[in-house]
């Protein structure tokens, strides 16, 4: 059984910085990618950043140049460094781990954390 635990969310002023962490426990087989999603009040959940098993990264346009995703394979941990935070970054941030569903038939399976609240306000 895989469990993801996020931490690092907080109330921060505009222009401030935060570092989110997500620690995965249990055995993860067939890892494809790890990433961060966010959901603001009244909006759909959106992808923020991903990092593949090969180390490639992808970001939503609105956070490019401000956020950096990284991972520590030995610790089964993924990080999201957030700089120059804006009020529009306010959301619940969710950790995601995408794995290969089966080796025989392919497909994917996603694990999700409970979320951590990031609030950017004066």
C-alpha atoms as a PDB file:
ATOM      1  CA  UNK A   1       0.000   0.000   0.000  1.00  0.00           C
ATOM      2  CA  UNK A   2       1.349   3.401  -1.033  1.00  0.00           C
ATOM      3  CA  UNK A   3       0.741   6.520   1.027  1.00  0.00           C
ATOM      4  CA  UNK A   4       1.727  10.076   0.107  1.00  0.00           C
ATOM      5  CA  UNK A   5       2.171  12.749   2.772  1.00  0.00           C
ATOM      6  CA  UNK A   6       2.579  16.405   1.807  1.00  0.00           C
ATOM      7  CA  UNK A   7       4.009  19.136   3.998  1.00  0.00           C
ATOM      8  CA  UNK A   8       5.193  22.719   3.734  1.00  0.00           C
ATOM      9  CA  UNK A   9       1.985  24.583   3.000  1.00  0.00           C
ATOM     10  CA  UNK A  10       1.561  27.860   4.848  1.00  0.00           C
ATOM     11  CA  UNK A  11       0.312  31.429   4.799  1.00  0.00           C
ATOM     12  CA  UNK A  12       2.852  33.580   2.974  1.00  0.00           C
ATOM     13  CA  UNK A  13       2.964  37.158   1.710  1.00  0.00           C
ATOM     14  CA  UNK A  14       3.052  37.966  -2.013  1.00  0.00           C
ATOM     15  CA  UNK A  15       6.597  37.654  -3.314  1.00  0.00           C
ATOM     16  CA  UNK A  16       7.483  35.093  -0.680  1.00  0.00           C
ATOM     17  CA  UNK A  17       8.726  31.536  -1.057  1.00  0.00           C
ATOM     18  CA  UNK A  18       7.700  28.076   0.097  1.00  0.00           C
ATOM     19  CA  UNK A  19       9.055  24.571  -0.329  1.00  0.00           C
ATOM     20  CA  UNK A  20       6.564  21.727  -0.473  1.00  0.00           C
ATOM     21  CA  UNK A  21       7.600  18.153   0.220  1.00  0.00           C
ATOM     22  CA  UNK A  22       5.888  14.862  -0.512  1.00  0.00           C
ATOM     23  CA  UNK A  23       7.133  11.631   1.013  1.00  0.00           C
ATOM     24  CA  UNK A  24       5.940   8.345  -0.439  1.00  0.00           C
ATOM     25  CA  UNK A  25       5.802   5.315   1.833  1.00  0.00           C
ATOM     26  CA  UNK A  26       5.311   1.739   0.772  1.00  0.00           C
ATOM     27  CA  UNK A  27       6.574   0.005  -2.329  1.00  0.00           C
ATOM     28  CA  UNK A  28       6.137   1.801  -5.633  1.00  0.00           C
ATOM     29  CA  UNK A  29       6.549  -0.317  -8.728  1.00  0.00           C
ATOM     30  CA  UNK A  30       6.632   0.898 -12.290  1.00  0.00           C
ATOM     31  CA  UNK A  31       7.119   4.582 -11.472  1.00  0.00           C
ATOM     32  CA  UNK A  32       6.361   6.815 -14.451  1.00  0.00           C
ATOM     33  CA  UNK A  33       6.307  10.287 -12.915  1.00  0.00           C
ATOM     34  CA  UNK A  34       5.764  12.321  -9.766  1.00  0.00           C
ATOM     35  CA  UNK A  35       4.116  15.694  -9.704  1.00  0.00           C
ATOM     36  CA  UNK A  36       2.127  18.438  -8.091  1.00  0.00           C
ATOM     37  CA  UNK A  37      -1.415  19.541  -8.827  1.00  0.00           C
ATOM     38  CA  UNK A  38      -3.434  22.325  -7.253  1.00  0.00           C
ATOM     39  CA  UNK A  39      -7.067  23.245  -6.808  1.00  0.00           C
ATOM     40  CA  UNK A  40      -8.286  26.724  -5.967  1.00  0.00           C
ATOM     41  CA  UNK A  41     -11.794  27.405  -4.606  1.00  0.00           C
ATOM     42  CA  UNK A  42     -14.361  27.133  -7.377  1.00  0.00           C
ATOM     43  CA  UNK A  43     -11.836  25.877  -9.923  1.00  0.00           C
ATOM     44  CA  UNK A  44     -10.854  22.528 -11.381  1.00  0.00           C
ATOM     45  CA  UNK A  45      -7.731  20.730 -10.263  1.00  0.00           C
ATOM     46  CA  UNK A  46      -4.831  21.603 -12.559  1.00  0.00           C
ATOM     47  CA  UNK A  47      -1.377  20.221 -13.167  1.00  0.00           C
ATOM     48  CA  UNK A  48       1.389  22.436 -11.797  1.00  0.00           C
ATOM     49  CA  UNK A  49       4.580  20.481 -12.409  1.00  0.00           C
ATOM     50  CA  UNK A  50       5.744  16.947 -13.129  1.00  0.00           C
ATOM     51  CA  UNK A  51       9.043  15.115 -13.157  1.00  0.00           C
ATOM     52  CA  UNK A  52       9.414  11.807 -14.987  1.00  0.00           C
ATOM     53  CA  UNK A  53      11.391   8.792 -13.876  1.00  0.00           C
ATOM     54  CA  UNK A  54      14.041   9.888 -16.364  1.00  0.00           C
ATOM     55  CA  UNK A  55      14.309  13.355 -14.833  1.00  0.00           C
ATOM     56  CA  UNK A  56      12.416  15.375 -17.423  1.00  0.00           C
ATOM     57  CA  UNK A  57      10.253  18.204 -16.085  1.00  0.00           C
ATOM     58  CA  UNK A  58       7.123  20.001 -17.214  1.00  0.00           C
ATOM     59  CA  UNK A  59       5.364  23.086 -15.819  1.00  0.00           C
ATOM     60  CA  UNK A  60       2.131  24.894 -16.370  1.00  0.00           C
ATOM     61  CA  UNK A  61       2.874  28.185 -18.139  1.00  0.00           C
ATOM     62  CA  UNK A  62       1.805  30.363 -15.222  1.00  0.00           C
ATOM     63  CA  UNK A  63       4.545  29.036 -12.907  1.00  0.00           C
ATOM     64  CA  UNK A  64       7.458  28.758 -15.333  1.00  0.00           C
ATOM     65  CA  UNK A  65      10.500  30.567 -14.013  1.00  0.00           C
ATOM     66  CA  UNK A  66       9.053  30.700 -10.488  1.00  0.00           C
ATOM     67  CA  UNK A  67       8.550  27.064  -9.441  1.00  0.00           C
ATOM     68  CA  UNK A  68      11.029  24.192  -9.550  1.00  0.00           C
ATOM     69  CA  UNK A  69      10.181  20.518  -9.123  1.00  0.00           C
ATOM     70  CA  UNK A  70      12.825  18.048  -7.980  1.00  0.00           C
ATOM     71  CA  UNK A  71      13.083  14.594  -6.443  1.00  0.00           C
ATOM     72  CA  UNK A  72      15.226  12.472  -4.180  1.00  0.00           C
ATOM     73  CA  UNK A  73      14.927   8.881  -5.316  1.00  0.00           C
ATOM     74  CA  UNK A  74      16.670   7.472  -2.252  1.00  0.00           C
ATOM     75  CA  UNK A  75      14.085   9.100   0.021  1.00  0.00           C
ATOM     76  CA  UNK A  76      11.093   8.603  -2.299  1.00  0.00           C
ATOM     77  CA  UNK A  77      10.427  12.309  -1.994  1.00  0.00           C
ATOM     78  CA  UNK A  78       9.370  14.976  -4.462  1.00  0.00           C
ATOM     79  CA  UNK A  79       9.736  18.707  -3.802  1.00  0.00           C
ATOM     80  CA  UNK A  80       8.211  21.863  -5.186  1.00  0.00           C
ATOM     81  CA  UNK A  81      10.206  25.044  -4.638  1.00  0.00           C
ATOM     82  CA  UNK A  82       7.925  28.034  -5.087  1.00  0.00           C
ATOM     83  CA  UNK A  83       9.301  31.553  -5.445  1.00  0.00           C
ATOM     84  CA  UNK A  84       7.766  34.948  -6.190  1.00  0.00           C
ATOM     85  CA  UNK A  85       4.404  33.690  -4.990  1.00  0.00           C
ATOM     86  CA  UNK A  86       1.282  35.480  -6.138  1.00  0.00           C
ATOM     87  CA  UNK A  87      -2.239  35.574  -4.674  1.00  0.00           C
ATOM     88  CA  UNK A  88      -3.418  33.509  -7.648  1.00  0.00           C
ATOM     89  CA  UNK A  89      -1.151  30.679  -6.465  1.00  0.00           C
ATOM     90  CA  UNK A  90      -3.466  30.205  -3.485  1.00  0.00           C
ATOM     91  CA  UNK A  91      -4.792  26.650  -3.581  1.00  0.00           C
ATOM     92  CA  UNK A  92      -4.637  23.220  -2.038  1.00  0.00           C
ATOM     93  CA  UNK A  93      -1.582  21.501  -3.498  1.00  0.00           C
ATOM     94  CA  UNK A  94      -1.720  17.750  -4.057  1.00  0.00           C
ATOM     95  CA  UNK A  95       1.136  15.339  -4.560  1.00  0.00           C
ATOM     96  CA  UNK A  96       0.712  12.791  -7.337  1.00  0.00           C
ATOM     97  CA  UNK A  97       2.559   9.613  -8.210  1.00  0.00           C
ATOM     98  CA  UNK A  98       1.801   7.927 -11.525  1.00  0.00           C
ATOM     99  CA  UNK A  99       2.692   4.271 -11.933  1.00  0.00           C
ATOM    100  CA  UNK A 100       2.411   1.588 -14.569  1.00  0.00           C
ATOM    101  CA  UNK A 101      -0.816  -0.305 -13.897  1.00  0.00           C
ATOM    102  CA  UNK A 102       0.335  -3.638 -15.320  1.00  0.00           C
ATOM    103  CA  UNK A 103       3.408  -4.779 -17.155  1.00  0.00           C
ATOM    104  CA  UNK A 104       1.316  -7.061 -19.359  1.00  0.00           C
ATOM    105  CA  UNK A 105      -1.410  -4.666 -20.500  1.00  0.00           C
ATOM    106  CA  UNK A 106      -0.025  -1.231 -19.757  1.00  0.00           C
ATOM    107  CA  UNK A 107      -2.205   1.580 -18.442  1.00  0.00           C
ATOM    108  CA  UNK A 108      -1.508   3.854 -15.472  1.00  0.00           C
ATOM    109  CA  UNK A 109      -2.547   4.210 -11.848  1.00  0.00           C
ATOM    110  CA  UNK A 110      -2.345   7.439  -9.836  1.00  0.00           C
ATOM    111  CA  UNK A 111      -1.732   7.805  -6.109  1.00  0.00           C
ATOM    112  CA  UNK A 112      -2.733  11.048  -4.385  1.00  0.00           C
ATOM    113  CA  UNK A 113      -1.864  12.799  -1.154  1.00  0.00           C
ATOM    114  CA  UNK A 114      -4.357  14.557   1.106  1.00  0.00           C
ATOM    115  CA  UNK A 115      -3.201  18.011   0.065  1.00  0.00           C
ATOM    116  CA  UNK A 116      -1.507  20.940   1.763  1.00  0.00           C
ATOM    117  CA  UNK A 117      -2.912  24.467   1.855  1.00  0.00           C
ATOM    118  CA  UNK A 118      -0.930  27.321   0.340  1.00  0.00           C
ATOM    119  CA  UNK A 119      -2.326  30.788   0.951  1.00  0.00           C
ATOM    120  CA  UNK A 120      -0.675  33.870  -0.543  1.00  0.00           C
ATOM    121  CA  UNK A 121      -2.045  37.015   1.047  1.00  0.00           C
ATOM    122  CA  UNK A 122      -1.009  40.246   2.732  1.00  0.00           C
END
